[in-house]
PDB file of N, CA and C in Angstrom:
ATOM      1  N   MET A   1      35.308  22.247 -20.992  1.00  0.00           N
ATOM      2  CA  MET A   1      35.146  23.524 -20.327  1.00  0.00           C
ATOM      3  C   MET A   1      35.175  23.319 -18.820  1.00  0.00           C
ATOM      4  N   GLY A   2      35.625  24.301 -18.113  1.00  0.00           N
ATOM      5  CA  GLY A   2      35.732  24.209 -16.668  1.00  0.00           C
ATOM      6  C   GLY A   2      34.383  24.236 -15.974  1.00  0.00           C
ATOM      7  N   ARG A   3      34.407  23.810 -14.733  1.00  0.00           N
ATOM      8  CA  ARG A   3      33.192  23.835 -13.926  1.00  0.00           C
ATOM      9  C   ARG A   3      33.234  25.028 -12.990  1.00  0.00           C
ATOM     10  N   GLY A   4      32.076  25.469 -12.557  1.00  0.00           N
ATOM     11  CA  GLY A   4      32.015  26.554 -11.594  1.00  0.00           C
ATOM     12  C   GLY A   4      31.731  27.892 -12.239  1.00  0.00           C
ATOM     13  N   ASP A   5      31.632  28.873 -11.400  1.00  0.00           N
ATOM     14  CA  ASP A   5      31.299  30.233 -11.814  1.00  0.00           C
ATOM     15  C   ASP A   5      32.514  30.908 -12.441  1.00  0.00           C
ATOM     16  N   PRO A   6      32.413  31.329 -13.702  1.00  0.00           N
ATOM     17  CA  PRO A   6      33.552  31.974 -14.356  1.00  0.00           C
ATOM     18  C   PRO A   6      33.983  33.262 -13.651  1.00  0.00           C
ATOM     19  N   TYR A   7      33.027  34.000 -13.068  1.00  0.00           N
ATOM     20  CA  TYR A   7      33.368  35.231 -12.361  1.00  0.00           C
ATOM     21  C   TYR A   7      34.283  34.936 -11.168  1.00  0.00           C
ATOM     22  N   ILE A   8      33.957  33.895 -10.421  1.00  0.00           N
ATOM     23  CA  ILE A   8      34.781  33.533  -9.265  1.00  0.00           C
ATOM     24  C   ILE A   8      36.178  33.148  -9.726  1.00  0.00           C
ATOM     25  N   PHE A   9      36.253  32.388 -10.807  1.00  0.00           N
ATOM     26  CA  PHE A   9      37.553  31.996 -11.340  1.00  0.00           C
ATOM     27  C   PHE A   9      38.373  33.224 -11.726  1.00  0.00           C
ATOM     28  N   LEU A  10      37.751  34.159 -12.448  1.00  0.00           N
ATOM     29  CA  LEU A  10      38.480  35.349 -12.887  1.00  0.00           C
ATOM     30  C   LEU A  10      38.866  36.242 -11.708  1.00  0.00           C
ATOM     31  N   ALA A  11      37.990  36.331 -10.710  1.00  0.00           N
ATOM     32  CA  ALA A  11      38.309  37.123  -9.520  1.00  0.00           C
ATOM     33  C   ALA A  11      39.475  36.488  -8.770  1.00  0.00           C
ATOM     34  N   TRP A  12      39.469  35.166  -8.647  1.00  0.00           N
ATOM     35  CA  TRP A  12      40.568  34.470  -7.988  1.00  0.00           C
ATOM     36  C   TRP A  12      41.862  34.672  -8.759  1.00  0.00           C
ATOM     37  N   GLN A  13      41.776  34.564 -10.072  1.00  0.00           N
ATOM     38  CA  GLN A  13      42.961  34.728 -10.915  1.00  0.00           C
ATOM     39  C   GLN A  13      43.556  36.132 -10.752  1.00  0.00           C
ATOM     40  N   ALA A  14      42.705  37.160 -10.705  1.00  0.00           N
ATOM     41  CA  ALA A  14      43.184  38.536 -10.532  1.00  0.00           C
ATOM     42  C   ALA A  14      43.804  38.721  -9.147  1.00  0.00           C
ATOM     43  N   ALA A  15      43.172  38.165  -8.121  1.00  0.00           N
ATOM     44  CA  ALA A  15      43.706  38.276  -6.759  1.00  0.00           C
ATOM     45  C   ALA A  15      45.046  37.570  -6.647  1.00  0.00           C
ATOM     46  N   HIS A  16      45.173  36.421  -7.280  1.00  0.00           N
ATOM     47  CA  HIS A  16      46.426  35.666  -7.264  1.00  0.00           C
ATOM     48  C   HIS A  16      47.544  36.480  -7.924  1.00  0.00           C
ATOM     49  N   ALA A  17      47.240  37.060  -9.073  1.00  0.00           N
ATOM     50  CA  ALA A  17      48.243  37.862  -9.787  1.00  0.00           C
ATOM     51  C   ALA A  17      48.665  39.064  -8.947  1.00  0.00           C
ATOM     52  N   LYS A  18      47.712  39.701  -8.281  1.00  0.00           N
ATOM     53  CA  LYS A  18      48.027  40.861  -7.447  1.00  0.00           C
ATOM     54  C   LYS A  18      48.888  40.461  -6.244  1.00  0.00           C
ATOM     55  N   ALA A  19      48.546  39.341  -5.613  1.00  0.00           N
ATOM     56  CA  ALA A  19      49.289  38.883  -4.435  1.00  0.00           C
ATOM     57  C   ALA A  19      50.728  38.521  -4.790  1.00  0.00           C
ATOM     58  N   TRP A  20      50.931  37.914  -5.958  1.00  0.00           N
ATOM     59  CA  TRP A  20      52.270  37.479  -6.348  1.00  0.00           C
ATOM     60  C   TRP A  20      52.997  38.494  -7.229  1.00  0.00           C
ATOM     61  N   LYS A  21      52.453  39.713  -7.321  1.00  0.00           N
ATOM     62  CA  LYS A  21      53.135  40.763  -8.073  1.00  0.00           C
ATOM     63  C   LYS A  21      54.513  40.964  -7.465  1.00  0.00           C
ATOM     64  N   ALA A  22      55.495  41.145  -8.317  1.00  0.00           N
ATOM     65  CA  ALA A  22      56.873  41.267  -7.840  1.00  0.00           C
ATOM     66  C   ALA A  22      57.017  42.466  -6.907  1.00  0.00           C
ATOM     67  N   PRO A  23      57.545  42.233  -5.716  1.00  0.00           N
ATOM     68  CA  PRO A  23      57.778  43.347  -4.787  1.00  0.00           C
ATOM     69  C   PRO A  23      59.003  44.137  -5.227  1.00  0.00           C
ATOM     70  N   SER A  24      59.296  45.179  -4.508  1.00  0.00           N
ATOM     71  CA  SER A  24      60.490  45.963  -4.834  1.00  0.00           C
ATOM     72  C   SER A  24      61.731  45.078  -4.698  1.00  0.00           C
ATOM     73  N   ARG A  25      62.792  45.508  -5.320  1.00  0.00           N
ATOM     74  CA  ARG A  25      64.043  44.743  -5.289  1.00  0.00           C
ATOM     75  C   ARG A  25      64.521  44.527  -3.853  1.00  0.00           C
ATOM     76  N   GLU A  26      64.426  45.558  -3.041  1.00  0.00           N
ATOM     77  CA  GLU A  26      64.892  45.468  -1.660  1.00  0.00           C
ATOM     78  C   GLU A  26      64.090  44.441  -0.854  1.00  0.00           C
ATOM     79  N   ILE A  27      62.785  44.463  -1.037  1.00  0.00           N
ATOM     80  CA  ILE A  27      61.943  43.505  -0.318  1.00  0.00           C
ATOM     81  C   ILE A  27      62.213  42.089  -0.800  1.00  0.00           C
ATOM     82  N   MET A  28      62.353  41.914  -2.107  1.00  0.00           N
ATOM     83  CA  MET A  28      62.634  40.587  -2.641  1.00  0.00           C
ATOM     84  C   MET A  28      63.962  40.045  -2.101  1.00  0.00           C
ATOM     85  N   LEU A  29      64.985  40.879  -2.073  1.00  0.00           N
ATOM     86  CA  LEU A  29      66.289  40.446  -1.561  1.00  0.00           C
ATOM     87  C   LEU A  29      66.213  40.111  -0.076  1.00  0.00           C
ATOM     88  N   MET A  30      65.459  40.918   0.680  1.00  0.00           N
ATOM     89  CA  MET A  30      65.304  40.654   2.108  1.00  0.00           C
ATOM     90  C   MET A  30      64.602  39.308   2.325  1.00  0.00           C
ATOM     91  N   ARG A  31      63.536  39.062   1.559  1.00  0.00           N
ATOM     92  CA  ARG A  31      62.811  37.791   1.687  1.00  0.00           C
ATOM     93  C   ARG A  31      63.685  36.610   1.274  1.00  0.00           C
ATOM     94  N   MET A  32      64.446  36.781   0.205  1.00  0.00           N
ATOM     95  CA  MET A  32      65.327  35.695  -0.238  1.00  0.00           C
ATOM     96  C   MET A  32      66.359  35.364   0.830  1.00  0.00           C
ATOM     97  N   ASP A  33      66.952  36.388   1.415  1.00  0.00           N
ATOM     98  CA  ASP A  33      67.949  36.188   2.471  1.00  0.00           C
ATOM     99  C   ASP A  33      67.330  35.503   3.680  1.00  0.00           C
ATOM    100  N   LYS A  34      66.185  35.990   4.107  1.00  0.00           N
ATOM    101  CA  LYS A  34      65.508  35.424   5.277  1.00  0.00           C
ATOM    102  C   LYS A  34      65.101  33.966   5.010  1.00  0.00           C
ATOM    103  N   ALA A  35      64.548  33.711   3.826  1.00  0.00           N
ATOM    104  CA  ALA A  35      64.141  32.349   3.475  1.00  0.00           C
ATOM    105  C   ALA A  35      65.345  31.407   3.497  1.00  0.00           C
ATOM    106  N   GLU A  36      66.442  31.839   2.926  1.00  0.00           N
ATOM    107  CA  GLU A  36      67.646  31.010   2.887  1.00  0.00           C
ATOM    108  C   GLU A  36      68.146  30.702   4.294  1.00  0.00           C
ATOM    109  N   ARG A  37      68.154  31.717   5.163  1.00  0.00           N
ATOM    110  CA  ARG A  37      68.610  31.502   6.538  1.00  0.00           C
ATOM    111  C   ARG A  37      67.703  30.531   7.295  1.00  0.00           C
ATOM    112  N   LEU A  38      66.421  30.489   6.929  1.00  0.00           N
ATOM    113  CA  LEU A  38      65.477  29.582   7.592  1.00  0.00           C
ATOM    114  C   LEU A  38      65.404  28.208   6.926  1.00  0.00           C
ATOM    115  N   GLY A  39      66.086  28.054   5.789  1.00  0.00           N
ATOM    116  CA  GLY A  39      66.055  26.785   5.074  1.00  0.00           C
ATOM    117  C   GLY A  39      64.811  26.604   4.225  1.00  0.00           C
ATOM    118  N   LEU A  40      64.189  27.714   3.850  1.00  0.00           N
ATOM    119  CA  LEU A  40      62.978  27.680   3.033  1.00  0.00           C
ATOM    120  C   LEU A  40      63.267  28.260   1.658  1.00  0.00           C
ATOM    121  N   THR A  41      62.357  28.010   0.733  1.00  0.00           N
ATOM    122  CA  THR A  41      62.468  28.659  -0.564  1.00  0.00           C
ATOM    123  C   THR A  41      61.821  30.034  -0.478  1.00  0.00           C
ATOM    124  N   TYR A  42      62.118  30.872  -1.447  1.00  0.00           N
ATOM    125  CA  TYR A  42      61.499  32.201  -1.500  1.00  0.00           C
ATOM    126  C   TYR A  42      59.979  32.057  -1.553  1.00  0.00           C
ATOM    127  N   GLU A  43      59.507  31.109  -2.357  1.00  0.00           N
ATOM    128  CA  GLU A  43      58.071  30.908  -2.506  1.00  0.00           C
ATOM    129  C   GLU A  43      57.427  30.463  -1.193  1.00  0.00           C
ATOM    130  N   GLU A  44      58.080  29.550  -0.483  1.00  0.00           N
ATOM    131  CA  GLU A  44      57.539  29.088   0.798  1.00  0.00           C
ATOM    132  C   GLU A  44      57.453  30.233   1.807  1.00  0.00           C
ATOM    133  N   TYR A  45      58.500  31.038   1.863  1.00  0.00           N
ATOM    134  CA  TYR A  45      58.533  32.155   2.805  1.00  0.00           C
ATOM    135  C   TYR A  45      57.466  33.195   2.449  1.00  0.00           C
ATOM    136  N   THR A  46      57.372  33.535   1.170  1.00  0.00           N
ATOM    137  CA  THR A  46      56.392  34.528   0.725  1.00  0.00           C
ATOM    138  C   THR A  46      54.972  34.009   0.917  1.00  0.00           C
ATOM    139  N   LEU A  47      54.746  32.743   0.650  1.00  0.00           N
ATOM    140  CA  LEU A  47      53.414  32.172   0.844  1.00  0.00           C
ATOM    141  C   LEU A  47      53.000  32.241   2.310  1.00  0.00           C
ATOM    142  N   GLU A  48      53.927  32.060   3.200  1.00  0.00           N
ATOM    143  CA  GLU A  48      53.624  32.169   4.630  1.00  0.00           C
ATOM    144  C   GLU A  48      53.182  33.596   4.973  1.00  0.00           C
ATOM    145  N   ILE A  49      53.825  34.581   4.377  1.00  0.00           N
ATOM    146  CA  ILE A  49      53.426  35.972   4.594  1.00  0.00           C
ATOM    147  C   ILE A  49      52.025  36.198   4.038  1.00  0.00           C
ATOM    148  N   LEU A  50      51.764  35.705   2.828  1.00  0.00           N
ATOM    149  CA  LEU A  50      50.464  35.924   2.199  1.00  0.00           C
ATOM    150  C   LEU A  50      49.343  35.180   2.918  1.00  0.00           C
ATOM    151  N   GLU A  51      49.602  33.951   3.344  1.00  0.00           N
ATOM    152  CA  GLU A  51      48.561  33.144   3.983  1.00  0.00           C
ATOM    153  C   GLU A  51      48.301  33.543   5.423  1.00  0.00           C
ATOM    154  N   ARG A  52      49.352  33.826   6.169  1.00  0.00           N
ATOM    155  CA  ARG A  52      49.208  34.041   7.606  1.00  0.00           C
ATOM    156  C   ARG A  52      49.456  35.477   8.043  1.00  0.00           C
ATOM    157  N   GLY A  53      49.970  36.295   7.135  1.00  0.00           N
ATOM    158  CA  GLY A  53      50.186  37.696   7.451  1.00  0.00           C
ATOM    159  C   GLY A  53      51.312  37.956   8.427  1.00  0.00           C
ATOM    160  N   ARG A  54      52.273  37.051   8.478  1.00  0.00           N
ATOM    161  CA  ARG A  54      53.397  37.266   9.401  1.00  0.00           C
ATOM    162  C   ARG A  54      54.686  36.748   8.781  1.00  0.00           C
ATOM    163  N   HIS A  55      55.775  37.363   9.208  1.00  0.00           N
ATOM    164  CA  HIS A  55      57.105  36.963   8.761  1.00  0.00           C
ATOM    165  C   HIS A  55      57.657  35.936   9.756  1.00  0.00           C
ATOM    166  N   LEU A  56      58.174  34.841   9.235  1.00  0.00           N
ATOM    167  CA  LEU A  56      58.747  33.814  10.100  1.00  0.00           C
ATOM    168  C   LEU A  56      60.071  34.292  10.680  1.00  0.00           C
ATOM    169  N   ARG A  57      60.359  33.805  11.880  1.00  0.00           N
ATOM    170  CA  ARG A  57      61.630  34.088  12.553  1.00  0.00           C
ATOM    171  C   ARG A  57      62.276  32.760  12.919  1.00  0.00           C
ATOM    172  N   GLU A  58      63.524  32.819  13.329  1.00  0.00           N
ATOM    173  CA  GLU A  58      64.253  31.613  13.716  1.00  0.00           C
ATOM    174  C   GLU A  58      63.532  30.867  14.846  1.00  0.00           C
ATOM    175  N   GLU A  59      62.824  31.580  15.688  1.00  0.00           N
ATOM    176  CA  GLU A  59      62.123  30.966  16.824  1.00  0.00           C
ATOM    177  C   GLU A  59      60.886  30.157  16.399  1.00  0.00           C
ATOM    178  N   ASP A  60      60.445  30.329  15.170  1.00  0.00           N
ATOM    179  CA  ASP A  60      59.247  29.634  14.678  1.00  0.00           C
ATOM    180  C   ASP A  60      59.596  28.238  14.162  1.00  0.00           C
ATOM    181  N   THR A  61      60.344  27.504  14.960  1.00  0.00           N
ATOM    182  CA  THR A  61      60.858  26.205  14.513  1.00  0.00           C
ATOM    183  C   THR A  61      59.742  25.218  14.170  1.00  0.00           C
ATOM    184  N   GLU A  62      58.670  25.242  14.931  1.00  0.00           N
ATOM    185  CA  GLU A  62      57.578  24.296  14.676  1.00  0.00           C
ATOM    186  C   GLU A  62      56.944  24.544  13.304  1.00  0.00           C
ATOM    187  N   ARG A  63      56.661  25.795  12.986  1.00  0.00           N
ATOM    188  CA  ARG A  63      56.048  26.129  11.694  1.00  0.00           C
ATOM    189  C   ARG A  63      57.018  25.866  10.552  1.00  0.00           C
ATOM    190  N   ILE A  64      58.282  26.204  10.727  1.00  0.00           N
ATOM    191  CA  ILE A  64      59.289  25.961   9.693  1.00  0.00           C
ATOM    192  C   ILE A  64      59.410  24.461   9.424  1.00  0.00           C
ATOM    193  N   SER A  65      59.408  23.654  10.477  1.00  0.00           N
ATOM    194  CA  SER A  65      59.460  22.197  10.315  1.00  0.00           C
ATOM    195  C   SER A  65      58.244  21.681   9.568  1.00  0.00           C
ATOM    196  N   ALA A  66      57.078  22.247   9.835  1.00  0.00           N
ATOM    197  CA  ALA A  66      55.853  21.828   9.147  1.00  0.00           C
ATOM    198  C   ALA A  66      55.927  22.154   7.658  1.00  0.00           C
ATOM    199  N   ILE A  67      56.480  23.306   7.315  1.00  0.00           N
ATOM    200  CA  ILE A  67      56.622  23.691   5.909  1.00  0.00           C
ATOM    201  C   ILE A  67      57.582  22.738   5.197  1.00  0.00           C
ATOM    202  N   LYS A  68      58.694  22.424   5.849  1.00  0.00           N
ATOM    203  CA  LYS A  68      59.663  21.503   5.250  1.00  0.00           C
ATOM    204  C   LYS A  68      59.086  20.101   5.110  1.00  0.00           C
ATOM    205  N   ALA A  69      58.294  19.649   6.078  1.00  0.00           N
ATOM    206  CA  ALA A  69      57.665  18.329   6.001  1.00  0.00           C
ATOM    207  C   ALA A  69      56.673  18.285   4.845  1.00  0.00           C
ATOM    208  N   ALA A  70      55.926  19.361   4.657  1.00  0.00           N
ATOM    209  CA  ALA A  70      54.975  19.421   3.538  1.00  0.00           C
ATOM    210  C   ALA A  70      55.719  19.370   2.209  1.00  0.00           C
ATOM    211  N   ARG A  71      56.879  20.025   2.148  1.00  0.00           N
ATOM    212  CA  ARG A  71      57.699  19.988   0.933  1.00  0.00           C
ATOM    213  C   ARG A  71      58.130  18.554   0.633  1.00  0.00           C
ATOM    214  N   ARG A  72      58.573  17.838   1.669  1.00  0.00           N
ATOM    215  CA  ARG A  72      58.994  16.439   1.471  1.00  0.00           C
ATOM    216  C   ARG A  72      57.827  15.576   1.006  1.00  0.00           C
ATOM    217  N   ARG A  73      56.643  15.799   1.578  1.00  0.00           N
ATOM    218  CA  ARG A  73      55.457  15.023   1.165  1.00  0.00           C
ATOM    219  C   ARG A  73      55.107  15.296  -0.293  1.00  0.00           C
ATOM    220  N   ARG A  74      55.198  16.567  -0.704  1.00  0.00           N
ATOM    221  CA  ARG A  74      54.901  16.913  -2.111  1.00  0.00           C
ATOM    222  C   ARG A  74      55.902  16.226  -3.042  1.00  0.00           C
ATOM    223  N   ARG A  75      57.161  16.239  -2.672  1.00  0.00           N
ATOM    224  CA  ARG A  75      58.180  15.590  -3.508  1.00  0.00           C
ATOM    225  C   ARG A  75      57.935  14.095  -3.592  1.00  0.00           C
ATOM    226  N   ALA A  76      57.613  13.483  -2.461  1.00  0.00           N
ATOM    227  CA  ALA A  76      57.374  12.028  -2.430  1.00  0.00           C
ATOM    228  C   ALA A  76      56.153  11.668  -3.264  1.00  0.00           C
ATOM    229  N   SER A  77      55.117  12.489  -3.227  1.00  0.00           N
ATOM    230  CA  SER A  77      53.910  12.173  -3.993  1.00  0.00           C
ATOM    231  C   SER A  77      54.157  12.314  -5.502  1.00  0.00           C
ATOM    232  N   ARG A  78      55.082  13.180  -5.880  1.00  0.00           N
ATOM    233  CA  ARG A  78      55.417  13.309  -7.312  1.00  0.00           C
ATOM    234  C   ARG A  78      56.168  12.091  -7.812  1.00  0.00           C
ATOM    235  N   LEU A  79      56.888  11.433  -6.915  1.00  0.00           N
ATOM    236  CA  LEU A  79      57.679  10.266  -7.312  1.00  0.00           C
ATOM    237  C   LEU A  79      56.817   9.011  -7.445  1.00  0.00           C
ATOM    238  N   ASP A  80      55.652   9.029  -6.801  1.00  0.00           N
ATOM    239  CA  ASP A  80      54.765   7.836  -6.869  1.00  0.00           C
ATOM    240  C   ASP A  80      54.124   7.662  -8.214  1.00  0.00           C
TER     241      ASP A  80
END
């Protein structure tokens, strides 16, 4: 059985489902296009919106580089 408060787990699970609820088709296509132009995945781009409350732009090179570096680290750790 899991550890911790079951209420907190269920509240987190509900919040997660609500945050990742599929947006309208137009918004999803816009995010996919923007993510592709920035060299990010749809999930990476959307997570940035959810975590930081802002849409990345081409000028956000430092943040985009940090996201890509984290992706490389995750891939490398899976290979170990």
